[in-house]
């Protein structure tokens, strides 16, 4: 997971500043599970975001980010934790 700040946002996505001279791109379709028509409706310049690193486009040398994938991973971890707790509770 990476944390960053929205540098620029347009309808298709946002440029996220991750560190000095390091930026990633968050496509509108990777902001949330539901369809996002315009990223500007959910993000604005200066917003803090936490996202998952999902790849690098070698051709354009851009880092791809996803909030949707981060949220999915967090949900899976919570479900696994809950299942483990239930299993342990049943042992007692």
PDB file of N, CA and C in Angstrom:
ATOM      1  N   UNK A   1       0.832  -1.178   0.000  1.00  0.00           N
ATOM      2  CA  UNK A   1       0.000   0.000   0.000  1.00  0.00           C
ATOM      3  C   UNK A   1       0.883   1.250   0.000  1.00  0.00           C
ATOM      4  N   UNK A   2       0.409   2.256  -0.683  1.00  0.00           N
ATOM      5  CA  UNK A   2       1.141   3.522  -0.740  1.00  0.00           C
ATOM      6  C   UNK A   2       0.188   4.662  -0.382  1.00  0.00           C
ATOM      7  N   UNK A   3       0.753   5.706   0.175  1.00  0.00           N
ATOM      8  CA  UNK A   3      -0.021   6.904   0.489  1.00  0.00           C
ATOM      9  C   UNK A   3       0.486   8.037  -0.380  1.00  0.00           C
ATOM     10  N   UNK A   4      -0.429   8.885  -0.787  1.00  0.00           N
ATOM     11  CA  UNK A   4      -0.031  10.010  -1.612  1.00  0.00           C
ATOM     12  C   UNK A   4      -1.056  11.119  -1.563  1.00  0.00           C
ATOM     13  N   UNK A   5      -0.797  12.136  -2.373  1.00  0.00           N
ATOM     14  CA  UNK A   5      -1.657  13.315  -2.442  1.00  0.00           C
ATOM     15  C   UNK A   5      -2.044  13.561  -3.892  1.00  0.00           C
ATOM     16  N   UNK A   6      -3.307  13.880  -4.102  1.00  0.00           N
ATOM     17  CA  UNK A   6      -3.790  14.159  -5.454  1.00  0.00           C
ATOM     18  C   UNK A   6      -3.140  15.449  -5.947  1.00  0.00           C
ATOM     19  N   UNK A   7      -2.417  15.322  -7.057  1.00  0.00           N
ATOM     20  CA  UNK A   7      -1.753  16.479  -7.658  1.00  0.00           C
ATOM     21  C   UNK A   7      -2.665  17.120  -8.702  1.00  0.00           C
ATOM     22  N   UNK A   8      -3.241  16.281  -9.567  1.00  0.00           N
ATOM     23  CA  UNK A   8      -4.135  16.739 -10.626  1.00  0.00           C
ATOM     24  C   UNK A   8      -5.245  15.716 -10.775  1.00  0.00           C
ATOM     25  N   UNK A   9      -6.411  16.180 -11.153  1.00  0.00           N
ATOM     26  CA  UNK A   9      -7.522  15.262 -11.388  1.00  0.00           C
ATOM     27  C   UNK A   9      -8.334  15.732 -12.584  1.00  0.00           C
ATOM     28  N   UNK A  10      -8.726  14.781 -13.417  1.00  0.00           N
ATOM     29  CA  UNK A  10      -9.625  15.072 -14.527  1.00  0.00           C
ATOM     30  C   UNK A  10     -10.668  13.956 -14.565  1.00  0.00           C
ATOM     31  N   UNK A  11     -11.507  13.949 -15.570  1.00  0.00           N
ATOM     32  CA  UNK A  11     -12.593  12.977 -15.626  1.00  0.00           C
ATOM     33  C   UNK A  11     -12.088  11.534 -15.635  1.00  0.00           C
ATOM     34  N   UNK A  12     -10.954  11.280 -16.279  1.00  0.00           N
ATOM     35  CA  UNK A  12     -10.465   9.916 -16.457  1.00  0.00           C
ATOM     36  C   UNK A  12      -9.646   9.378 -15.294  1.00  0.00           C
ATOM     37  N   UNK A  13      -9.156  10.244 -14.421  1.00  0.00           N
ATOM     38  CA  UNK A  13      -8.351   9.769 -13.308  1.00  0.00           C
ATOM     39  C   UNK A  13      -7.570  10.887 -12.642  1.00  0.00           C
ATOM     40  N   UNK A  14      -6.579  10.469 -11.827  1.00  0.00           N
ATOM     41  CA  UNK A  14      -5.819  11.457 -11.062  1.00  0.00           C
ATOM     42  C   UNK A  14      -4.346  11.095 -11.018  1.00  0.00           C
ATOM     43  N   UNK A  15      -3.521  12.115 -11.021  1.00  0.00           N
ATOM     44  CA  UNK A  15      -2.090  11.945 -10.795  1.00  0.00           C
ATOM     45  C   UNK A  15      -1.872  12.086  -9.301  1.00  0.00           C
ATOM     46  N   UNK A  16      -1.212  11.094  -8.716  1.00  0.00           N
ATOM     47  CA  UNK A  16      -0.988  11.051  -7.280  1.00  0.00           C
ATOM     48  C   UNK A  16       0.499  11.219  -7.000  1.00  0.00           C
ATOM     49  N   UNK A  17       0.858  12.205  -6.183  1.00  0.00           N
ATOM     50  CA  UNK A  17       2.243  12.388  -5.779  1.00  0.00           C
ATOM     51  C   UNK A  17       2.515  11.446  -4.616  1.00  0.00           C
ATOM     52  N   UNK A  18       3.472  10.528  -4.818  1.00  0.00           N
ATOM     53  CA  UNK A  18       3.810   9.534  -3.802  1.00  0.00           C
ATOM     54  C   UNK A  18       5.004   9.966  -2.970  1.00  0.00           C
ATOM     55  N   UNK A  19       5.971  10.595  -3.593  1.00  0.00           N
ATOM     56  CA  UNK A  19       7.182  11.075  -2.933  1.00  0.00           C
ATOM     57  C   UNK A  19       7.791  12.135  -3.848  1.00  0.00           C
ATOM     58  N   UNK A  20       8.888  12.715  -3.420  1.00  0.00           N
ATOM     59  CA  UNK A  20       9.558  13.697  -4.270  1.00  0.00           C
ATOM     60  C   UNK A  20       9.862  13.086  -5.630  1.00  0.00           C
ATOM     61  N   UNK A  21       9.320  13.695  -6.663  1.00  0.00           N
ATOM     62  CA  UNK A  21       9.581  13.292  -8.047  1.00  0.00           C
ATOM     63  C   UNK A  21       9.067  11.903  -8.385  1.00  0.00           C
ATOM     64  N   UNK A  22       8.165  11.353  -7.571  1.00  0.00           N
ATOM     65  CA  UNK A  22       7.556  10.057  -7.869  1.00  0.00           C
ATOM     66  C   UNK A  22       6.042  10.248  -7.895  1.00  0.00           C
ATOM     67  N   UNK A  23       5.450   9.890  -9.040  1.00  0.00           N
ATOM     68  CA  UNK A  23       4.010  10.040  -9.182  1.00  0.00           C
ATOM     69  C   UNK A  23       3.405   8.746  -9.702  1.00  0.00           C
ATOM     70  N   UNK A  24       2.168   8.530  -9.363  1.00  0.00           N
ATOM     71  CA  UNK A  24       1.420   7.385  -9.857  1.00  0.00           C
ATOM     72  C   UNK A  24       0.142   7.874 -10.494  1.00  0.00           C
ATOM     73  N   UNK A  25      -0.515   6.984 -11.238  1.00  0.00           N
ATOM     74  CA  UNK A  25      -1.771   7.349 -11.878  1.00  0.00           C
ATOM     75  C   UNK A  25      -2.880   6.443 -11.366  1.00  0.00           C
ATOM     76  N   UNK A  26      -3.974   7.057 -10.967  1.00  0.00           N
ATOM     77  CA  UNK A  26      -5.144   6.361 -10.460  1.00  0.00           C
ATOM     78  C   UNK A  26      -6.278   6.565 -11.450  1.00  0.00           C
ATOM     79  N   UNK A  27      -6.585   5.514 -12.220  1.00  0.00           N
ATOM     80  CA  UNK A  27      -7.666   5.611 -13.204  1.00  0.00           C
ATOM     81  C   UNK A  27      -9.006   5.709 -12.491  1.00  0.00           C
ATOM     82  N   UNK A  28      -9.956   6.380 -13.102  1.00  0.00           N
ATOM     83  CA  UNK A  28     -11.291   6.526 -12.513  1.00  0.00           C
ATOM     84  C   UNK A  28     -11.901   5.167 -12.182  1.00  0.00           C
ATOM     85  N   UNK A  29     -11.670   4.178 -13.034  1.00  0.00           N
ATOM     86  CA  UNK A  29     -12.237   2.841 -12.814  1.00  0.00           C
ATOM     87  C   UNK A  29     -11.609   2.114 -11.629  1.00  0.00           C
ATOM     88  N   UNK A  30     -10.499   2.645 -11.095  1.00  0.00           N
ATOM     89  CA  UNK A  30      -9.824   2.024  -9.954  1.00  0.00           C
ATOM     90  C   UNK A  30     -10.064   2.773  -8.640  1.00  0.00           C
ATOM     91  N   UNK A  31     -10.972   3.752  -8.657  1.00  0.00           N
ATOM     92  CA  UNK A  31     -11.244   4.533  -7.447  1.00  0.00           C
ATOM     93  C   UNK A  31     -12.161   3.778  -6.495  1.00  0.00           C
ATOM     94  N   UNK A  32     -13.193   3.171  -7.042  1.00  0.00           N
ATOM     95  CA  UNK A  32     -14.123   2.421  -6.199  1.00  0.00           C
ATOM     96  C   UNK A  32     -14.763   1.317  -7.022  1.00  0.00           C
ATOM     97  N   UNK A  33     -15.457   0.431  -6.319  1.00  0.00           N
ATOM     98  CA  UNK A  33     -16.065  -0.722  -6.973  1.00  0.00           C
ATOM     99  C   UNK A  33     -17.167  -0.300  -7.940  1.00  0.00           C
ATOM    100  N   UNK A  34     -17.966   0.699  -7.541  1.00  0.00           N
ATOM    101  CA  UNK A  34     -19.036   1.190  -8.405  1.00  0.00           C
ATOM    102  C   UNK A  34     -18.448   1.993  -9.561  1.00  0.00           C
ATOM    103  N   UNK A  35     -19.183   2.062 -10.640  1.00  0.00           N
ATOM    104  CA  UNK A  35     -18.728   2.797 -11.824  1.00  0.00           C
ATOM    105  C   UNK A  35     -18.524   4.277 -11.487  1.00  0.00           C
ATOM    106  N   UNK A  36     -17.413   4.814 -11.940  1.00  0.00           N
ATOM    107  CA  UNK A  36     -17.101   6.230 -11.734  1.00  0.00           C
ATOM    108  C   UNK A  36     -17.056   6.896 -13.114  1.00  0.00           C
ATOM    109  N   UNK A  37     -17.997   7.766 -13.358  1.00  0.00           N
ATOM    110  CA  UNK A  37     -18.067   8.481 -14.639  1.00  0.00           C
ATOM    111  C   UNK A  37     -17.019   9.580 -14.729  1.00  0.00           C
ATOM    112  N   UNK A  38     -16.775  10.243 -13.598  1.00  0.00           N
ATOM    113  CA  UNK A  38     -15.873  11.393 -13.576  1.00  0.00           C
ATOM    114  C   UNK A  38     -15.134  11.398 -12.244  1.00  0.00           C
ATOM    115  N   UNK A  39     -13.819  11.214 -12.285  1.00  0.00           N
ATOM    116  CA  UNK A  39     -13.012  11.150 -11.063  1.00  0.00           C
ATOM    117  C   UNK A  39     -13.126  12.425 -10.240  1.00  0.00           C
ATOM    118  N   UNK A  40     -13.430  13.538 -10.892  1.00  0.00           N
ATOM    119  CA  UNK A  40     -13.534  14.822 -10.184  1.00  0.00           C
ATOM    120  C   UNK A  40     -14.693  14.852  -9.191  1.00  0.00           C
ATOM    121  N   UNK A  41     -15.652  13.926  -9.331  1.00  0.00           N
ATOM    122  CA  UNK A  41     -16.768  13.883  -8.383  1.00  0.00           C
ATOM    123  C   UNK A  41     -16.345  13.265  -7.051  1.00  0.00           C
ATOM    124  N   UNK A  42     -15.220  12.531  -7.030  1.00  0.00           N
ATOM    125  CA  UNK A  42     -14.763  11.856  -5.808  1.00  0.00           C
ATOM    126  C   UNK A  42     -13.439  12.382  -5.268  1.00  0.00           C
ATOM    127  N   UNK A  43     -12.632  12.965  -6.131  1.00  0.00           N
ATOM    128  CA  UNK A  43     -11.305  13.434  -5.723  1.00  0.00           C
ATOM    129  C   UNK A  43     -11.116  14.888  -6.098  1.00  0.00           C
ATOM    130  N   UNK A  44     -10.301  15.572  -5.288  1.00  0.00           N
ATOM    131  CA  UNK A  44      -9.911  16.938  -5.645  1.00  0.00           C
ATOM    132  C   UNK A  44      -8.434  17.121  -5.308  1.00  0.00           C
ATOM    133  N   UNK A  45      -7.824  18.107  -5.924  1.00  0.00           N
ATOM    134  CA  UNK A  45      -6.406  18.375  -5.668  1.00  0.00           C
ATOM    135  C   UNK A  45      -6.181  18.572  -4.178  1.00  0.00           C
ATOM    136  N   UNK A  46      -5.112  17.947  -3.669  1.00  0.00           N
ATOM    137  CA  UNK A  46      -4.772  18.067  -2.260  1.00  0.00           C
ATOM    138  C   UNK A  46      -5.309  16.939  -1.391  1.00  0.00           C
ATOM    139  N   UNK A  47      -6.253  16.146  -1.910  1.00  0.00           N
ATOM    140  CA  UNK A  47      -6.790  15.016  -1.140  1.00  0.00           C
ATOM    141  C   UNK A  47      -5.697  13.993  -0.861  1.00  0.00           C
ATOM    142  N   UNK A  48      -5.727  13.427   0.322  1.00  0.00           N
ATOM    143  CA  UNK A  48      -4.823  12.314   0.651  1.00  0.00           C
ATOM    144  C   UNK A  48      -5.502  11.024   0.233  1.00  0.00           C
ATOM    145  N   UNK A  49      -4.726  10.125  -0.359  1.00  0.00           N
ATOM    146  CA  UNK A  49      -5.268   8.828  -0.767  1.00  0.00           C
ATOM    147  C   UNK A  49      -4.327   7.721  -0.341  1.00  0.00           C
ATOM    148  N   UNK A  50      -4.902   6.558  -0.124  1.00  0.00           N
ATOM    149  CA  UNK A  50      -4.134   5.353   0.141  1.00  0.00           C
ATOM    150  C   UNK A  50      -4.570   4.351  -0.916  1.00  0.00           C
ATOM    151  N   UNK A  51      -3.619   3.802  -1.637  1.00  0.00           N
ATOM    152  CA  UNK A  51      -3.938   2.910  -2.747  1.00  0.00           C
ATOM    153  C   UNK A  51      -2.943   1.745  -2.791  1.00  0.00           C
ATOM    154  N   UNK A  52      -3.264   0.793  -3.632  1.00  0.00           N
ATOM    155  CA  UNK A  52      -2.388  -0.347  -3.837  1.00  0.00           C
ATOM    156  C   UNK A  52      -1.619  -0.139  -5.146  1.00  0.00           C
ATOM    157  N   UNK A  53      -0.350  -0.454  -5.111  1.00  0.00           N
ATOM    158  CA  UNK A  53       0.479  -0.430  -6.312  1.00  0.00           C
ATOM    159  C   UNK A  53       0.066  -1.644  -7.140  1.00  0.00           C
ATOM    160  N   UNK A  54      -0.375  -1.433  -8.382  1.00  0.00           N
ATOM    161  CA  UNK A  54      -0.813  -2.567  -9.198  1.00  0.00           C
ATOM    162  C   UNK A  54       0.033  -2.802 -10.442  1.00  0.00           C
ATOM    163  N   UNK A  55       0.990  -1.930 -10.696  1.00  0.00           N
ATOM    164  CA  UNK A  55       1.850  -2.190 -11.840  1.00  0.00           C
ATOM    165  C   UNK A  55       2.581  -0.970 -12.350  1.00  0.00           C
ATOM    166  N   UNK A  56       3.446  -1.239 -13.315  1.00  0.00           N
ATOM    167  CA  UNK A  56       4.202  -0.185 -13.978  1.00  0.00           C
ATOM    168  C   UNK A  56       4.047  -0.378 -15.473  1.00  0.00           C
ATOM    169  N   UNK A  57       3.691   0.685 -16.158  1.00  0.00           N
ATOM    170  CA  UNK A  57       3.635   0.660 -17.610  1.00  0.00           C
ATOM    171  C   UNK A  57       5.018   1.071 -18.094  1.00  0.00           C
ATOM    172  N   UNK A  58       5.786   0.094 -18.577  1.00  0.00           N
ATOM    173  CA  UNK A  58       7.166   0.368 -18.986  1.00  0.00           C
ATOM    174  C   UNK A  58       7.238   1.344 -20.157  1.00  0.00           C
ATOM    175  N   UNK A  59       6.249   1.268 -21.027  1.00  0.00           N
ATOM    176  CA  UNK A  59       6.254   2.144 -22.196  1.00  0.00           C
ATOM    177  C   UNK A  59       6.102   3.614 -21.798  1.00  0.00           C
ATOM    178  N   UNK A  60       5.129   3.890 -20.932  1.00  0.00           N
ATOM    179  CA  UNK A  60       4.905   5.277 -20.517  1.00  0.00           C
ATOM    180  C   UNK A  60       5.620   5.612 -19.211  1.00  0.00           C
ATOM    181  N   UNK A  61       6.254   4.595 -18.619  1.00  0.00           N
ATOM    182  CA  UNK A  61       6.973   4.748 -17.351  1.00  0.00           C
ATOM    183  C   UNK A  61       6.081   5.331 -16.260  1.00  0.00           C
ATOM    184  N   UNK A  62       4.842   4.841 -16.199  1.00  0.00           N
ATOM    185  CA  UNK A  62       3.934   5.328 -15.170  1.00  0.00           C
ATOM    186  C   UNK A  62       3.569   4.208 -14.198  1.00  0.00           C
ATOM    187  N   UNK A  63       3.355   4.590 -12.945  1.00  0.00           N
ATOM    188  CA  UNK A  63       2.980   3.673 -11.881  1.00  0.00           C
ATOM    189  C   UNK A  63       1.452   3.649 -11.813  1.00  0.00           C
ATOM    190  N   UNK A  64       0.884   2.454 -11.842  1.00  0.00           N
ATOM    191  CA  UNK A  64      -0.568   2.306 -11.766  1.00  0.00           C
ATOM    192  C   UNK A  64      -0.986   2.030 -10.326  1.00  0.00           C
ATOM    193  N   UNK A  65      -2.027   2.744  -9.888  1.00  0.00           N
ATOM    194  CA  UNK A  65      -2.522   2.614  -8.526  1.00  0.00           C
ATOM    195  C   UNK A  65      -3.997   2.224  -8.528  1.00  0.00           C
ATOM    196  N   UNK A  66      -4.459   1.628  -7.419  1.00  0.00           N
ATOM    197  CA  UNK A  66      -5.858   1.243  -7.303  1.00  0.00           C
ATOM    198  C   UNK A  66      -6.338   1.327  -5.852  1.00  0.00           C
ATOM    199  N   UNK A  67      -7.348   2.128  -5.629  1.00  0.00           N
ATOM    200  CA  UNK A  67      -8.004   2.154  -4.314  1.00  0.00           C
ATOM    201  C   UNK A  67      -8.931   0.947  -4.226  1.00  0.00           C
ATOM    202  N   UNK A  68      -9.549   0.604  -5.349  1.00  0.00           N
ATOM    203  CA  UNK A  68     -10.465  -0.532  -5.392  1.00  0.00           C
ATOM    204  C   UNK A  68      -9.753  -1.822  -4.971  1.00  0.00           C
ATOM    205  N   UNK A  69      -8.549  -2.059  -5.474  1.00  0.00           N
ATOM    206  CA  UNK A  69      -7.785  -3.268  -5.115  1.00  0.00           C
ATOM    207  C   UNK A  69      -7.364  -3.236  -3.650  1.00  0.00           C
ATOM    208  N   UNK A  70      -7.005  -2.052  -3.147  1.00  0.00           N
ATOM    209  CA  UNK A  70      -6.636  -1.922  -1.728  1.00  0.00           C
ATOM    210  C   UNK A  70      -7.822  -2.281  -0.852  1.00  0.00           C
ATOM    211  N   UNK A  71      -8.987  -1.755  -1.188  1.00  0.00           N
ATOM    212  CA  UNK A  71     -10.188  -2.035  -0.406  1.00  0.00           C
ATOM    213  C   UNK A  71     -10.535  -3.523  -0.447  1.00  0.00           C
ATOM    214  N   UNK A  72     -10.371  -4.140  -1.610  1.00  0.00           N
ATOM    215  CA  UNK A  72     -10.637  -5.578  -1.738  1.00  0.00           C
ATOM    216  C   UNK A  72      -9.692  -6.382  -0.855  1.00  0.00           C
ATOM    217  N   UNK A  73      -8.411  -6.054  -0.890  1.00  0.00           N
ATOM    218  CA  UNK A  73      -7.427  -6.760  -0.058  1.00  0.00           C
ATOM    219  C   UNK A  73      -7.748  -6.620   1.420  1.00  0.00           C
ATOM    220  N   UNK A  74      -8.135  -5.422   1.833  1.00  0.00           N
ATOM    221  CA  UNK A  74      -8.482  -5.195   3.238  1.00  0.00           C
ATOM    222  C   UNK A  74      -9.711  -6.007   3.635  1.00  0.00           C
ATOM    223  N   UNK A  75     -10.678  -6.126   2.721  1.00  0.00           N
ATOM    224  CA  UNK A  75     -11.882  -6.915   3.002  1.00  0.00           C
ATOM    225  C   UNK A  75     -11.529  -8.393   3.159  1.00  0.00           C
ATOM    226  N   UNK A  76     -10.673  -8.899   2.305  1.00  0.00           N
ATOM    227  CA  UNK A  76     -10.246 -10.298   2.382  1.00  0.00           C
ATOM    228  C   UNK A  76      -9.541 -10.559   3.712  1.00  0.00           C
ATOM    229  N   UNK A  77      -8.683  -9.651   4.128  1.00  0.00           N
ATOM    230  CA  UNK A  77      -7.969  -9.809   5.405  1.00  0.00           C
ATOM    231  C   UNK A  77      -8.962  -9.838   6.564  1.00  0.00           C
ATOM    232  N   UNK A  78      -9.953  -8.941   6.545  1.00  0.00           N
ATOM    233  CA  UNK A  78     -10.963  -8.927   7.614  1.00  0.00           C
ATOM    234  C   UNK A  78     -11.753 -10.231   7.642  1.00  0.00           C
ATOM    235  N   UNK A  79     -12.132 -10.746   6.472  1.00  0.00           N
ATOM    236  CA  UNK A  79     -12.889 -11.996   6.412  1.00  0.00           C
ATOM    237  C   UNK A  79     -12.064 -13.168   6.925  1.00  0.00           C
ATOM    238  N   UNK A  80     -10.800 -13.207   6.566  1.00  0.00           N
ATOM    239  CA  UNK A  80      -9.929 -14.288   7.042  1.00  0.00           C
ATOM    240  C   UNK A  80      -9.741 -14.205   8.550  1.00  0.00           C
ATOM    241  N   UNK A  81      -9.591 -13.000   9.069  1.00  0.00           N
ATOM    242  CA  UNK A  81      -9.439 -12.819  10.510  1.00  0.00           C
ATOM    243  C   UNK A  81     -10.701 -13.268  11.233  1.00  0.00           C
ATOM    244  N   UNK A  82     -11.846 -12.891  10.697  1.00  0.00           N
ATOM    245  CA  UNK A  82     -13.117 -13.275  11.304  1.00  0.00           C
ATOM    246  C   UNK A  82     -13.273 -14.801  11.284  1.00  0.00           C
ATOM    247  N   UNK A  83     -12.919 -15.421  10.163  1.00  0.00           N
ATOM    248  CA  UNK A  83     -13.029 -16.879  10.062  1.00  0.00           C
ATOM    249  C   UNK A  83     -12.099 -17.555  11.066  1.00  0.00           C
ATOM    250  N   UNK A  84     -10.898 -17.040  11.240  1.00  0.00           N
ATOM    251  CA  UNK A  84      -9.944 -17.619  12.190  1.00  0.00           C
ATOM    252  C   UNK A  84     -10.451 -17.482  13.620  1.00  0.00           C
ATOM    253  N   UNK A  85     -11.022 -16.330  13.962  1.00  0.00           N
ATOM    254  CA  UNK A  85     -11.561 -16.114  15.293  1.00  0.00           C
ATOM    255  C   UNK A  85     -12.734 -17.064  15.546  1.00  0.00           C
ATOM    256  N   UNK A  86     -13.607 -17.220  14.562  1.00  0.00           N
ATOM    257  CA  UNK A  86     -14.737 -18.139  14.699  1.00  0.00           C
ATOM    258  C   UNK A  86     -14.256 -19.565  14.903  1.00  0.00           C
ATOM    259  N   UNK A  87     -13.264 -19.958  14.137  1.00  0.00           N
ATOM    260  CA  UNK A  87     -12.709 -21.307  14.258  1.00  0.00           C
ATOM    261  C   UNK A  87     -12.128 -21.541  15.643  1.00  0.00           C
ATOM    262  N   UNK A  88     -11.359 -20.553  16.147  1.00  0.00           N
ATOM    263  CA  UNK A  88     -10.757 -20.673  17.485  1.00  0.00           C
ATOM    264  C   UNK A  88     -11.833 -20.698  18.573  1.00  0.00           C
ATOM    265  N   UNK A  89     -12.868 -19.899  18.393  1.00  0.00           N
ATOM    266  CA  UNK A  89     -13.969 -19.865  19.367  1.00  0.00           C
ATOM    267  C   UNK A  89     -14.663 -21.220  19.448  1.00  0.00           C
ATOM    268  N   UNK A  90     -14.829 -21.872  18.306  1.00  0.00           N
ATOM    269  CA  UNK A  90     -15.475 -23.176  18.281  1.00  0.00           C
ATOM    270  C   UNK A  90     -14.630 -24.258  18.930  1.00  0.00           C
ATOM    271  N   UNK A  91     -13.313 -24.064  19.015  1.00  0.00           N
ATOM    272  CA  UNK A  91     -12.431 -25.033  19.657  1.00  0.00           C
ATOM    273  C   UNK A  91     -12.589 -25.027  21.168  1.00  0.00           C
ATOM    274  N   UNK A  92     -12.965 -23.882  21.717  1.00  0.00           N
ATOM    275  CA  UNK A  92     -13.043 -23.744  23.186  1.00  0.00           C
ATOM    276  C   UNK A  92     -14.308 -24.317  23.757  1.00  0.00           C
TER     277      UNK A  92
END
